[in-house]
């Protein structure tokens, strides 16, 4: 699958179809994050069965030649991201402006790997979220902040009228955030299941 992935990427670049590639990537990963739980019992991102990949192809009306390499590339990038987050703790910024900027950089990195949420809206939500953190004087780990900002952005996306939200387990595993840290922060900040404060 890896060799096929490189060939498809090269083909897209040669033909100048970057926009098509981004559209396909968004389509496939959105379906993946919202319809398949790709996390095992140990909270690790697992490999996909061929049958699952074929189902994604059918549901998105894309060929296996497009779907397989996209998923393969996502799995590699997701693994690298988790390794990066786990390698050493992200240095905490005590200056609020610098902290927002740092979280925004990682948020953008996550969006590039999986464009499953509106980055423009997430940036706005991040600013509001940090006001809430300051008000509650509760500062969770940066990966927890990223997961919560994506969660809030996704749950409040008016374009998502079918109610097919990102599966929380997928989001937490992808952002390297434990269920405990995610729900503890959500409860402390009084954020409900619809991503709104109460």
N, C-alpha and C. Protein backbone atom coordinates (compact mmCIF):
# COMPACT_ATOMS: atom_id res chain seq x y z
N UNK A 1 0.82 -1.20 0.00
CA UNK A 1 0.00 0.00 0.00
C UNK A 1 0.86 1.26 0.00
N UNK A 2 2.00 1.22 0.70
CA UNK A 2 2.88 2.38 0.79
C UNK A 2 3.40 2.79 -0.58
N UNK A 3 3.80 1.79 -1.40
CA UNK A 3 4.31 2.06 -2.73
C UNK A 3 3.24 2.71 -3.60
N UNK A 4 2.03 2.20 -3.49
CA UNK A 4 0.90 2.75 -4.23
C UNK A 4 0.64 4.19 -3.80
N UNK A 5 0.75 4.44 -2.51
CA UNK A 5 0.55 5.78 -1.96
C UNK A 5 1.50 6.78 -2.60
N UNK A 6 2.79 6.41 -2.70
CA UNK A 6 3.79 7.29 -3.31
C UNK A 6 3.49 7.55 -4.78
N UNK A 7 3.04 6.51 -5.49
CA UNK A 7 2.73 6.65 -6.91
C UNK A 7 1.55 7.60 -7.13
N UNK A 8 0.52 7.46 -6.29
CA UNK A 8 -0.65 8.34 -6.42
C UNK A 8 -0.28 9.78 -6.12
N UNK A 9 0.51 9.98 -5.05
CA UNK A 9 0.94 11.33 -4.67
C UNK A 9 1.75 11.96 -5.79
N UNK A 10 2.66 11.19 -6.37
CA UNK A 10 3.49 11.69 -7.47
C UNK A 10 2.63 12.05 -8.67
N UNK A 11 1.67 11.19 -8.96
CA UNK A 11 0.76 11.42 -10.09
C UNK A 11 -0.04 12.70 -9.89
N UNK A 12 -0.54 12.90 -8.67
CA UNK A 12 -1.32 14.11 -8.39
C UNK A 12 -0.45 15.34 -8.56
N UNK A 13 0.77 15.28 -8.04
CA UNK A 13 1.67 16.43 -8.15
C UNK A 13 2.03 16.72 -9.60
N UNK A 14 2.28 15.67 -10.38
CA UNK A 14 2.65 15.86 -11.79
C UNK A 14 1.51 16.48 -12.57
N UNK A 15 0.30 16.07 -12.28
CA UNK A 15 -0.84 16.56 -13.02
C UNK A 15 -1.38 17.87 -12.47
N UNK A 16 -0.77 18.37 -11.40
CA UNK A 16 -1.20 19.63 -10.82
C UNK A 16 -2.59 19.57 -10.23
N UNK A 17 -2.97 18.42 -9.68
CA UNK A 17 -4.32 18.27 -9.14
C UNK A 17 -4.32 18.29 -7.61
N UNK A 18 -3.60 19.25 -7.06
CA UNK A 18 -3.51 19.36 -5.61
C UNK A 18 -4.89 19.62 -5.00
N UNK A 19 -5.68 20.46 -5.66
CA UNK A 19 -7.01 20.78 -5.14
C UNK A 19 -7.89 19.53 -5.07
N UNK A 20 -7.82 18.71 -6.12
CA UNK A 20 -8.58 17.45 -6.11
C UNK A 20 -8.12 16.55 -4.98
N UNK A 21 -6.80 16.47 -4.80
CA UNK A 21 -6.24 15.64 -3.75
C UNK A 21 -6.76 16.09 -2.38
N UNK A 22 -6.73 17.41 -2.13
CA UNK A 22 -7.21 17.94 -0.85
C UNK A 22 -8.69 17.65 -0.64
N UNK A 23 -9.46 17.76 -1.73
CA UNK A 23 -10.90 17.48 -1.65
C UNK A 23 -11.13 16.01 -1.30
N UNK A 24 -10.42 15.11 -1.98
CA UNK A 24 -10.56 13.67 -1.72
C UNK A 24 -10.14 13.33 -0.28
N UNK A 25 -9.04 13.94 0.13
CA UNK A 25 -8.52 13.71 1.48
C UNK A 25 -9.55 14.12 2.53
N UNK A 26 -10.13 15.30 2.35
CA UNK A 26 -11.15 15.80 3.28
C UNK A 26 -12.37 14.88 3.29
N UNK A 27 -12.79 14.45 2.12
CA UNK A 27 -13.96 13.58 1.98
C UNK A 27 -13.74 12.24 2.69
N UNK A 28 -12.61 11.61 2.40
CA UNK A 28 -12.30 10.28 2.96
C UNK A 28 -12.10 10.35 4.47
N UNK A 29 -11.32 11.31 4.94
CA UNK A 29 -11.03 11.38 6.38
C UNK A 29 -12.25 11.82 7.19
N UNK A 30 -13.07 12.68 6.62
CA UNK A 30 -14.31 13.05 7.30
C UNK A 30 -15.20 11.82 7.50
N UNK A 31 -15.31 11.02 6.44
CA UNK A 31 -16.12 9.80 6.56
C UNK A 31 -15.50 8.86 7.60
N UNK A 32 -14.20 8.71 7.53
CA UNK A 32 -13.48 7.83 8.44
C UNK A 32 -13.69 8.22 9.90
N UNK A 33 -13.46 9.49 10.24
CA UNK A 33 -13.55 9.95 11.62
C UNK A 33 -14.97 9.91 12.17
N UNK A 34 -15.97 9.97 11.28
CA UNK A 34 -17.36 10.07 11.73
C UNK A 34 -18.12 8.74 11.69
N UNK A 35 -17.59 7.74 10.98
CA UNK A 35 -18.33 6.48 10.81
C UNK A 35 -17.60 5.23 11.30
N UNK A 36 -16.27 5.32 11.46
CA UNK A 36 -15.48 4.15 11.87
C UNK A 36 -14.72 4.47 13.15
N UNK A 37 -14.83 3.60 14.13
CA UNK A 37 -13.97 3.74 15.31
C UNK A 37 -12.66 3.04 14.97
N UNK A 38 -11.60 3.81 14.82
CA UNK A 38 -10.32 3.22 14.39
C UNK A 38 -9.33 3.10 15.55
N UNK A 39 -9.88 2.99 16.77
CA UNK A 39 -9.04 2.92 17.96
C UNK A 39 -9.26 1.58 18.66
N UNK A 40 -8.16 0.94 19.09
CA UNK A 40 -8.30 -0.35 19.78
C UNK A 40 -8.50 -0.14 21.29
N UNK A 41 -8.53 -1.24 22.05
CA UNK A 41 -8.80 -1.18 23.49
C UNK A 41 -7.71 -0.43 24.26
N UNK A 42 -6.51 -0.38 23.71
CA UNK A 42 -5.40 0.33 24.36
C UNK A 42 -5.29 1.78 23.89
N UNK A 43 -6.33 2.28 23.23
CA UNK A 43 -6.37 3.66 22.75
C UNK A 43 -5.32 3.93 21.66
N UNK A 44 -5.00 2.89 20.89
CA UNK A 44 -4.04 3.03 19.79
C UNK A 44 -4.79 3.01 18.46
N UNK A 45 -4.28 3.77 17.50
CA UNK A 45 -4.88 3.77 16.17
C UNK A 45 -4.51 2.46 15.49
N UNK A 46 -5.51 1.74 15.01
CA UNK A 46 -5.27 0.40 14.46
C UNK A 46 -5.28 0.41 12.94
N UNK A 47 -4.77 -0.66 12.37
CA UNK A 47 -4.78 -0.84 10.92
C UNK A 47 -6.21 -1.14 10.46
N UNK A 48 -6.47 -0.86 9.19
CA UNK A 48 -7.80 -1.11 8.64
C UNK A 48 -7.84 -2.38 7.83
N UNK A 49 -8.99 -3.04 7.92
CA UNK A 49 -9.20 -4.21 7.07
C UNK A 49 -9.54 -3.72 5.67
N UNK A 50 -9.20 -4.54 4.69
CA UNK A 50 -9.47 -4.19 3.31
C UNK A 50 -10.96 -3.93 3.10
N UNK A 51 -11.79 -4.72 3.78
CA UNK A 51 -13.24 -4.59 3.67
C UNK A 51 -13.71 -3.21 4.13
N UNK A 52 -13.10 -2.70 5.21
CA UNK A 52 -13.46 -1.37 5.72
C UNK A 52 -13.08 -0.28 4.72
N UNK A 53 -11.90 -0.43 4.13
CA UNK A 53 -11.45 0.56 3.15
C UNK A 53 -12.35 0.56 1.91
N UNK A 54 -12.77 -0.62 1.51
CA UNK A 54 -13.68 -0.73 0.36
C UNK A 54 -15.03 -0.09 0.68
N UNK A 55 -15.48 -0.23 1.92
CA UNK A 55 -16.74 0.41 2.35
C UNK A 55 -16.62 1.93 2.26
N UNK A 56 -15.49 2.47 2.72
CA UNK A 56 -15.26 3.91 2.64
C UNK A 56 -15.29 4.36 1.19
N UNK A 57 -14.67 3.56 0.31
CA UNK A 57 -14.68 3.87 -1.12
C UNK A 57 -16.09 3.94 -1.68
N UNK A 58 -16.91 2.97 -1.31
CA UNK A 58 -18.29 2.94 -1.80
C UNK A 58 -19.09 4.12 -1.28
N UNK A 59 -18.92 4.43 -0.01
CA UNK A 59 -19.69 5.51 0.61
C UNK A 59 -19.27 6.90 0.12
N UNK A 60 -18.02 7.03 -0.29
CA UNK A 60 -17.53 8.33 -0.77
C UNK A 60 -17.49 8.40 -2.30
N UNK A 61 -17.87 7.28 -2.95
CA UNK A 61 -17.85 7.19 -4.43
C UNK A 61 -16.45 7.43 -5.00
N UNK A 62 -15.45 6.91 -4.30
CA UNK A 62 -14.07 7.02 -4.76
C UNK A 62 -13.49 5.61 -4.95
N UNK A 63 -12.56 5.50 -5.87
CA UNK A 63 -11.96 4.19 -6.15
C UNK A 63 -10.99 3.80 -5.05
N UNK A 64 -10.73 2.50 -4.96
CA UNK A 64 -9.75 2.00 -3.99
C UNK A 64 -8.37 2.60 -4.22
N UNK A 65 -8.07 2.93 -5.49
CA UNK A 65 -6.76 3.51 -5.83
C UNK A 65 -6.58 4.90 -5.20
N UNK A 66 -7.67 5.53 -4.87
CA UNK A 66 -7.60 6.83 -4.19
C UNK A 66 -7.71 6.65 -2.68
N UNK A 67 -8.67 5.84 -2.25
CA UNK A 67 -8.94 5.67 -0.81
C UNK A 67 -7.77 5.01 -0.08
N UNK A 68 -7.26 3.90 -0.61
CA UNK A 68 -6.20 3.15 0.08
C UNK A 68 -4.97 4.02 0.39
N UNK A 69 -4.42 4.73 -0.61
CA UNK A 69 -3.24 5.55 -0.31
C UNK A 69 -3.53 6.70 0.66
N UNK A 70 -4.73 7.27 0.58
CA UNK A 70 -5.08 8.36 1.50
C UNK A 70 -5.11 7.87 2.95
N UNK A 71 -5.71 6.71 3.16
CA UNK A 71 -5.77 6.14 4.51
C UNK A 71 -4.38 5.74 4.98
N UNK A 72 -3.61 5.16 4.07
CA UNK A 72 -2.24 4.76 4.39
C UNK A 72 -1.41 5.97 4.84
N UNK A 73 -1.53 7.06 4.11
CA UNK A 73 -0.80 8.29 4.44
C UNK A 73 -1.28 8.85 5.77
N UNK A 74 -2.59 8.81 6.00
CA UNK A 74 -3.13 9.30 7.27
C UNK A 74 -2.58 8.49 8.45
N UNK A 75 -2.57 7.16 8.32
CA UNK A 75 -2.09 6.31 9.41
C UNK A 75 -0.63 6.62 9.74
N UNK A 76 0.19 6.82 8.72
CA UNK A 76 1.61 7.16 8.95
C UNK A 76 1.73 8.49 9.67
N UNK A 77 0.99 9.50 9.17
CA UNK A 77 1.06 10.83 9.77
C UNK A 77 0.52 10.84 11.19
N UNK A 78 -0.57 10.10 11.42
CA UNK A 78 -1.16 10.03 12.76
C UNK A 78 -0.20 9.36 13.74
N UNK A 79 0.46 8.29 13.28
CA UNK A 79 1.44 7.60 14.12
C UNK A 79 2.61 8.54 14.45
N UNK A 80 3.09 9.27 13.45
CA UNK A 80 4.20 10.20 13.66
C UNK A 80 3.81 11.32 14.63
N UNK A 81 2.56 11.79 14.51
CA UNK A 81 2.08 12.85 15.40
C UNK A 81 2.04 12.35 16.84
N UNK A 82 1.50 11.13 17.05
CA UNK A 82 1.43 10.57 18.40
C UNK A 82 2.82 10.35 18.98
N UNK A 83 3.74 9.90 18.14
CA UNK A 83 5.12 9.69 18.58
C UNK A 83 5.74 11.03 18.98
N UNK A 84 5.45 12.06 18.18
CA UNK A 84 5.97 13.41 18.47
C UNK A 84 5.43 13.92 19.80
N UNK A 85 4.11 13.79 20.01
CA UNK A 85 3.50 14.25 21.25
C UNK A 85 4.02 13.47 22.46
N UNK A 86 4.28 12.17 22.26
CA UNK A 86 4.72 11.31 23.37
C UNK A 86 6.21 11.43 23.66
N UNK A 87 6.98 11.91 22.68
CA UNK A 87 8.45 11.94 22.82
C UNK A 87 8.90 12.78 24.00
N UNK A 88 8.34 13.96 24.11
CA UNK A 88 8.65 14.81 25.27
C UNK A 88 7.50 15.81 25.45
N UNK A 89 7.24 16.19 26.67
CA UNK A 89 6.14 17.12 26.91
C UNK A 89 6.38 18.45 26.19
N UNK A 90 5.30 19.02 25.68
CA UNK A 90 5.41 20.32 25.01
C UNK A 90 5.69 21.37 26.08
N UNK A 91 6.68 22.20 25.83
CA UNK A 91 7.07 23.22 26.81
C UNK A 91 5.90 24.18 27.01
N UNK A 92 5.55 24.39 28.27
CA UNK A 92 4.41 25.25 28.60
C UNK A 92 4.81 26.72 28.51
N UNK A 93 3.94 27.54 27.95
CA UNK A 93 4.16 28.97 27.86
C UNK A 93 3.31 29.66 28.93
N UNK A 94 3.95 30.49 29.75
CA UNK A 94 3.20 31.19 30.80
C UNK A 94 2.66 32.53 30.31
N UNK A 95 3.20 33.00 29.19
CA UNK A 95 2.65 34.19 28.55
C UNK A 95 1.43 33.74 27.74
N UNK A 96 0.26 34.32 28.04
CA UNK A 96 -1.00 33.86 27.44
C UNK A 96 -1.00 33.98 25.91
N UNK A 97 -0.45 35.08 25.41
CA UNK A 97 -0.41 35.29 23.95
C UNK A 97 0.44 34.23 23.28
N UNK A 98 1.58 33.93 23.88
CA UNK A 98 2.47 32.89 23.34
C UNK A 98 1.83 31.51 23.42
N UNK A 99 1.09 31.28 24.50
CA UNK A 99 0.42 29.98 24.68
C UNK A 99 -0.63 29.76 23.59
N UNK A 100 -1.46 30.78 23.34
CA UNK A 100 -2.47 30.68 22.28
C UNK A 100 -1.80 30.42 20.94
N UNK A 101 -0.71 31.13 20.69
CA UNK A 101 0.01 30.97 19.42
C UNK A 101 0.55 29.54 19.29
N UNK A 102 1.10 29.00 20.38
CA UNK A 102 1.66 27.64 20.35
C UNK A 102 0.56 26.61 20.08
N UNK A 103 -0.58 26.74 20.78
CA UNK A 103 -1.68 25.80 20.58
C UNK A 103 -2.19 25.92 19.14
N UNK A 104 -2.25 27.15 18.62
CA UNK A 104 -2.72 27.37 17.25
C UNK A 104 -1.80 26.68 16.23
N UNK A 105 -0.51 26.71 16.49
CA UNK A 105 0.46 26.05 15.59
C UNK A 105 0.20 24.54 15.55
N UNK A 106 0.00 23.94 16.74
CA UNK A 106 -0.27 22.50 16.80
C UNK A 106 -1.64 22.16 16.22
N UNK A 107 -2.59 23.05 16.40
CA UNK A 107 -3.93 22.88 15.83
C UNK A 107 -3.85 22.85 14.30
N UNK A 108 -3.01 23.72 13.76
CA UNK A 108 -2.82 23.76 12.30
C UNK A 108 -2.15 22.48 11.81
N UNK A 109 -1.18 22.01 12.59
CA UNK A 109 -0.48 20.76 12.25
C UNK A 109 -1.48 19.59 12.20
N UNK A 110 -2.36 19.53 13.19
CA UNK A 110 -3.39 18.49 13.25
C UNK A 110 -4.34 18.62 12.05
N UNK A 111 -4.72 19.85 11.71
CA UNK A 111 -5.65 20.09 10.59
C UNK A 111 -5.02 19.68 9.27
N UNK A 112 -3.73 19.89 9.11
CA UNK A 112 -3.06 19.49 7.86
C UNK A 112 -3.09 17.97 7.69
N UNK A 113 -2.94 17.25 8.78
CA UNK A 113 -2.97 15.78 8.71
C UNK A 113 -4.39 15.29 8.47
N UNK A 114 -5.36 15.89 9.17
CA UNK A 114 -6.76 15.47 9.05
C UNK A 114 -7.67 16.70 8.98
N UNK A 115 -7.96 17.18 7.78
CA UNK A 115 -8.81 18.38 7.63
C UNK A 115 -10.29 18.05 7.84
N UNK A 116 -10.63 17.69 9.07
CA UNK A 116 -11.98 17.21 9.39
C UNK A 116 -12.80 18.26 10.15
N UNK A 117 -12.24 19.45 10.28
CA UNK A 117 -12.93 20.55 10.96
C UNK A 117 -12.52 21.86 10.29
N UNK A 118 -13.29 22.90 10.55
CA UNK A 118 -12.97 24.22 9.99
C UNK A 118 -11.84 24.84 10.80
N UNK A 119 -10.68 25.01 10.17
CA UNK A 119 -9.54 25.59 10.89
C UNK A 119 -9.80 27.05 11.24
N UNK A 120 -10.44 27.79 10.32
CA UNK A 120 -10.73 29.21 10.58
C UNK A 120 -11.62 29.35 11.81
N UNK A 121 -12.63 28.51 11.90
CA UNK A 121 -13.55 28.56 13.04
C UNK A 121 -12.85 28.07 14.32
N UNK A 122 -11.99 27.07 14.18
CA UNK A 122 -11.25 26.54 15.33
C UNK A 122 -10.33 27.61 15.93
N UNK A 123 -9.73 28.43 15.08
CA UNK A 123 -8.87 29.52 15.57
C UNK A 123 -9.68 30.49 16.42
N UNK A 124 -10.88 30.82 15.94
CA UNK A 124 -11.77 31.72 16.70
C UNK A 124 -12.18 31.07 18.02
N UNK A 125 -12.52 29.79 17.95
CA UNK A 125 -12.93 29.07 19.16
C UNK A 125 -11.80 28.95 20.17
N UNK A 126 -10.57 28.85 19.66
CA UNK A 126 -9.41 28.77 20.55
C UNK A 126 -9.28 30.02 21.41
N UNK A 127 -9.49 31.18 20.80
CA UNK A 127 -9.41 32.45 21.55
C UNK A 127 -10.48 32.47 22.65
N UNK A 128 -11.71 32.07 22.30
CA UNK A 128 -12.81 32.05 23.27
C UNK A 128 -12.53 31.01 24.36
N UNK A 129 -12.02 29.86 23.94
CA UNK A 129 -11.71 28.77 24.86
C UNK A 129 -10.68 29.21 25.90
N UNK A 130 -9.68 29.97 25.48
CA UNK A 130 -8.65 30.41 26.41
C UNK A 130 -9.19 31.45 27.40
N UNK A 131 -10.18 32.22 26.99
CA UNK A 131 -10.84 33.13 27.94
C UNK A 131 -11.56 32.32 29.02
N UNK A 132 -12.18 31.20 28.59
CA UNK A 132 -12.86 30.31 29.53
C UNK A 132 -11.86 29.66 30.48
N UNK A 133 -10.72 29.21 29.94
CA UNK A 133 -9.68 28.60 30.78
C UNK A 133 -9.19 29.60 31.83
N UNK A 134 -9.02 30.84 31.40
CA UNK A 134 -8.55 31.88 32.32
C UNK A 134 -9.59 32.15 33.40
N UNK A 135 -10.85 32.20 33.00
CA UNK A 135 -11.93 32.45 33.93
C UNK A 135 -12.02 31.35 34.99
N UNK A 136 -11.85 30.10 34.55
CA UNK A 136 -11.96 28.96 35.46
C UNK A 136 -10.62 28.64 36.15
N UNK A 137 -9.56 29.30 35.68
CA UNK A 137 -8.20 29.04 36.17
C UNK A 137 -7.87 27.54 36.10
N UNK A 138 -8.18 26.98 34.95
CA UNK A 138 -7.93 25.55 34.71
C UNK A 138 -7.19 25.44 33.38
N UNK A 139 -5.97 24.90 33.42
CA UNK A 139 -5.14 24.87 32.22
C UNK A 139 -4.71 23.43 31.91
N UNK A 140 -5.55 22.71 31.14
CA UNK A 140 -5.19 21.32 30.79
C UNK A 140 -4.02 21.28 29.83
N UNK A 141 -3.46 20.09 29.65
CA UNK A 141 -2.35 19.86 28.74
C UNK A 141 -2.73 20.34 27.34
N UNK A 142 -1.74 20.76 26.57
CA UNK A 142 -1.98 21.32 25.24
C UNK A 142 -2.73 20.35 24.32
N UNK A 143 -2.42 19.05 24.39
CA UNK A 143 -3.12 18.10 23.52
C UNK A 143 -4.60 17.99 23.91
N UNK A 144 -4.89 18.15 25.20
CA UNK A 144 -6.29 18.16 25.65
C UNK A 144 -6.99 19.41 25.14
N UNK A 145 -6.29 20.53 25.16
CA UNK A 145 -6.86 21.77 24.63
C UNK A 145 -7.19 21.63 23.14
N UNK A 146 -6.28 21.02 22.39
CA UNK A 146 -6.50 20.83 20.95
C UNK A 146 -7.73 19.96 20.72
N UNK A 147 -7.81 18.84 21.45
CA UNK A 147 -8.95 17.92 21.31
C UNK A 147 -10.26 18.63 21.63
N UNK A 148 -10.27 19.43 22.69
CA UNK A 148 -11.50 20.13 23.09
C UNK A 148 -11.90 21.21 22.09
N UNK A 149 -10.93 21.92 21.56
CA UNK A 149 -11.23 22.97 20.56
C UNK A 149 -11.82 22.34 19.30
N UNK A 150 -11.27 21.21 18.87
CA UNK A 150 -11.83 20.51 17.70
C UNK A 150 -13.23 20.00 18.01
N UNK A 151 -13.40 19.43 19.21
CA UNK A 151 -14.71 18.94 19.65
C UNK A 151 -15.76 20.06 19.60
N UNK A 152 -15.43 21.20 20.18
CA UNK A 152 -16.34 22.36 20.20
C UNK A 152 -16.63 22.84 18.79
N UNK A 153 -15.60 22.94 17.97
CA UNK A 153 -15.76 23.40 16.59
C UNK A 153 -16.67 22.47 15.80
N UNK A 154 -16.44 21.18 15.96
CA UNK A 154 -17.23 20.18 15.22
C UNK A 154 -18.69 20.19 15.67
N UNK A 155 -18.92 20.22 16.98
CA UNK A 155 -20.28 20.16 17.50
C UNK A 155 -21.10 21.41 17.17
N UNK A 156 -20.41 22.52 16.93
CA UNK A 156 -21.11 23.77 16.63
C UNK A 156 -21.05 24.15 15.15
N UNK A 157 -20.66 23.21 14.31
CA UNK A 157 -20.58 23.46 12.87
C UNK A 157 -21.98 23.38 12.26
N UNK A 158 -22.50 24.53 11.84
CA UNK A 158 -23.87 24.57 11.29
C UNK A 158 -23.99 23.83 9.96
N UNK A 159 -22.87 23.62 9.28
CA UNK A 159 -22.88 22.87 8.02
C UNK A 159 -23.13 21.38 8.26
N UNK A 160 -22.91 20.95 9.50
CA UNK A 160 -23.09 19.54 9.84
C UNK A 160 -24.53 19.31 10.28
N UNK A 161 -25.45 19.38 9.32
CA UNK A 161 -26.87 19.27 9.66
C UNK A 161 -27.35 17.83 9.82
N UNK A 162 -26.47 16.85 9.53
CA UNK A 162 -26.87 15.45 9.67
C UNK A 162 -26.52 14.90 11.06
N UNK A 163 -25.84 15.71 11.84
CA UNK A 163 -25.51 15.27 13.20
C UNK A 163 -24.49 14.15 13.26
N UNK A 164 -23.72 13.98 12.19
CA UNK A 164 -22.66 12.97 12.18
C UNK A 164 -21.38 13.61 12.71
N UNK A 165 -21.22 13.55 14.02
CA UNK A 165 -20.06 14.20 14.63
C UNK A 165 -18.83 13.29 14.60
N UNK A 166 -17.68 13.90 14.79
CA UNK A 166 -16.44 13.14 14.92
C UNK A 166 -16.59 12.23 16.14
N UNK A 167 -16.26 10.96 15.98
CA UNK A 167 -16.33 10.00 17.09
C UNK A 167 -15.27 10.42 18.13
N UNK A 168 -15.73 10.63 19.36
CA UNK A 168 -14.83 11.16 20.40
C UNK A 168 -13.59 10.31 20.61
N UNK A 169 -13.77 9.00 20.57
CA UNK A 169 -12.63 8.10 20.80
C UNK A 169 -11.57 8.32 19.71
N UNK A 170 -12.01 8.50 18.47
CA UNK A 170 -11.09 8.78 17.36
C UNK A 170 -10.35 10.09 17.60
N UNK A 171 -11.10 11.12 17.99
CA UNK A 171 -10.51 12.44 18.22
C UNK A 171 -9.49 12.40 19.34
N UNK A 172 -9.84 11.75 20.43
CA UNK A 172 -8.92 11.70 21.57
C UNK A 172 -7.64 10.95 21.23
N UNK A 173 -7.77 9.81 20.55
CA UNK A 173 -6.59 9.02 20.18
C UNK A 173 -5.71 9.80 19.21
N UNK A 174 -6.35 10.44 18.23
CA UNK A 174 -5.60 11.21 17.23
C UNK A 174 -4.83 12.36 17.87
N UNK A 175 -5.45 13.03 18.85
CA UNK A 175 -4.80 14.17 19.52
C UNK A 175 -3.94 13.76 20.70
N UNK A 176 -3.84 12.44 20.96
CA UNK A 176 -3.06 11.91 22.07
C UNK A 176 -3.55 12.47 23.40
N UNK A 177 -4.87 12.39 23.59
CA UNK A 177 -5.52 12.90 24.80
C UNK A 177 -6.28 11.75 25.44
N UNK A 178 -6.07 11.51 26.71
CA UNK A 178 -6.77 10.42 27.39
C UNK A 178 -8.23 10.78 27.63
N UNK A 179 -9.06 9.75 27.76
CA UNK A 179 -10.49 9.97 28.05
C UNK A 179 -10.63 10.70 29.38
N UNK A 180 -9.81 10.33 30.35
CA UNK A 180 -9.88 10.97 31.67
C UNK A 180 -9.61 12.47 31.56
N UNK A 181 -8.51 12.84 30.89
CA UNK A 181 -8.14 14.26 30.76
C UNK A 181 -9.20 15.04 30.00
N UNK A 182 -9.73 14.42 28.94
CA UNK A 182 -10.74 15.08 28.10
C UNK A 182 -12.01 15.38 28.90
N UNK A 183 -12.54 14.35 29.58
CA UNK A 183 -13.81 14.52 30.30
C UNK A 183 -13.64 15.34 31.57
N UNK A 184 -12.49 15.22 32.20
CA UNK A 184 -12.22 16.04 33.39
C UNK A 184 -12.23 17.52 33.02
N UNK A 185 -11.54 17.86 31.94
CA UNK A 185 -11.49 19.26 31.49
C UNK A 185 -12.88 19.73 31.06
N UNK A 186 -13.58 18.87 30.35
CA UNK A 186 -14.93 19.24 29.88
C UNK A 186 -15.86 19.52 31.06
N UNK A 187 -15.80 18.66 32.07
CA UNK A 187 -16.66 18.84 33.26
C UNK A 187 -16.26 20.07 34.06
N UNK A 188 -14.96 20.28 34.21
CA UNK A 188 -14.47 21.44 34.96
C UNK A 188 -14.89 22.73 34.29
N UNK A 189 -14.85 22.74 32.95
CA UNK A 189 -15.18 23.94 32.18
C UNK A 189 -16.67 24.05 31.87
N UNK A 190 -17.45 23.04 32.32
CA UNK A 190 -18.90 23.00 32.08
C UNK A 190 -19.22 23.08 30.59
N UNK A 191 -18.60 22.19 29.82
CA UNK A 191 -18.88 22.08 28.38
C UNK A 191 -19.72 20.82 28.19
N UNK A 192 -20.91 20.97 27.64
CA UNK A 192 -21.81 19.82 27.50
C UNK A 192 -21.50 18.99 26.25
N UNK A 193 -22.32 17.98 26.01
CA UNK A 193 -22.07 17.05 24.90
C UNK A 193 -22.23 17.70 23.52
N UNK A 194 -22.86 18.88 23.50
CA UNK A 194 -23.01 19.61 22.25
C UNK A 194 -21.94 20.68 22.07
N UNK A 195 -20.93 20.64 22.93
CA UNK A 195 -19.82 21.58 22.81
C UNK A 195 -20.18 23.00 23.21
N UNK A 196 -21.14 23.14 24.13
CA UNK A 196 -21.57 24.46 24.61
C UNK A 196 -21.45 24.52 26.12
N UNK A 197 -21.22 25.72 26.62
CA UNK A 197 -21.09 25.88 28.09
C UNK A 197 -22.47 25.94 28.72
N UNK A 198 -22.52 25.47 29.95
CA UNK A 198 -23.80 25.49 30.69
C UNK A 198 -23.61 26.06 32.08
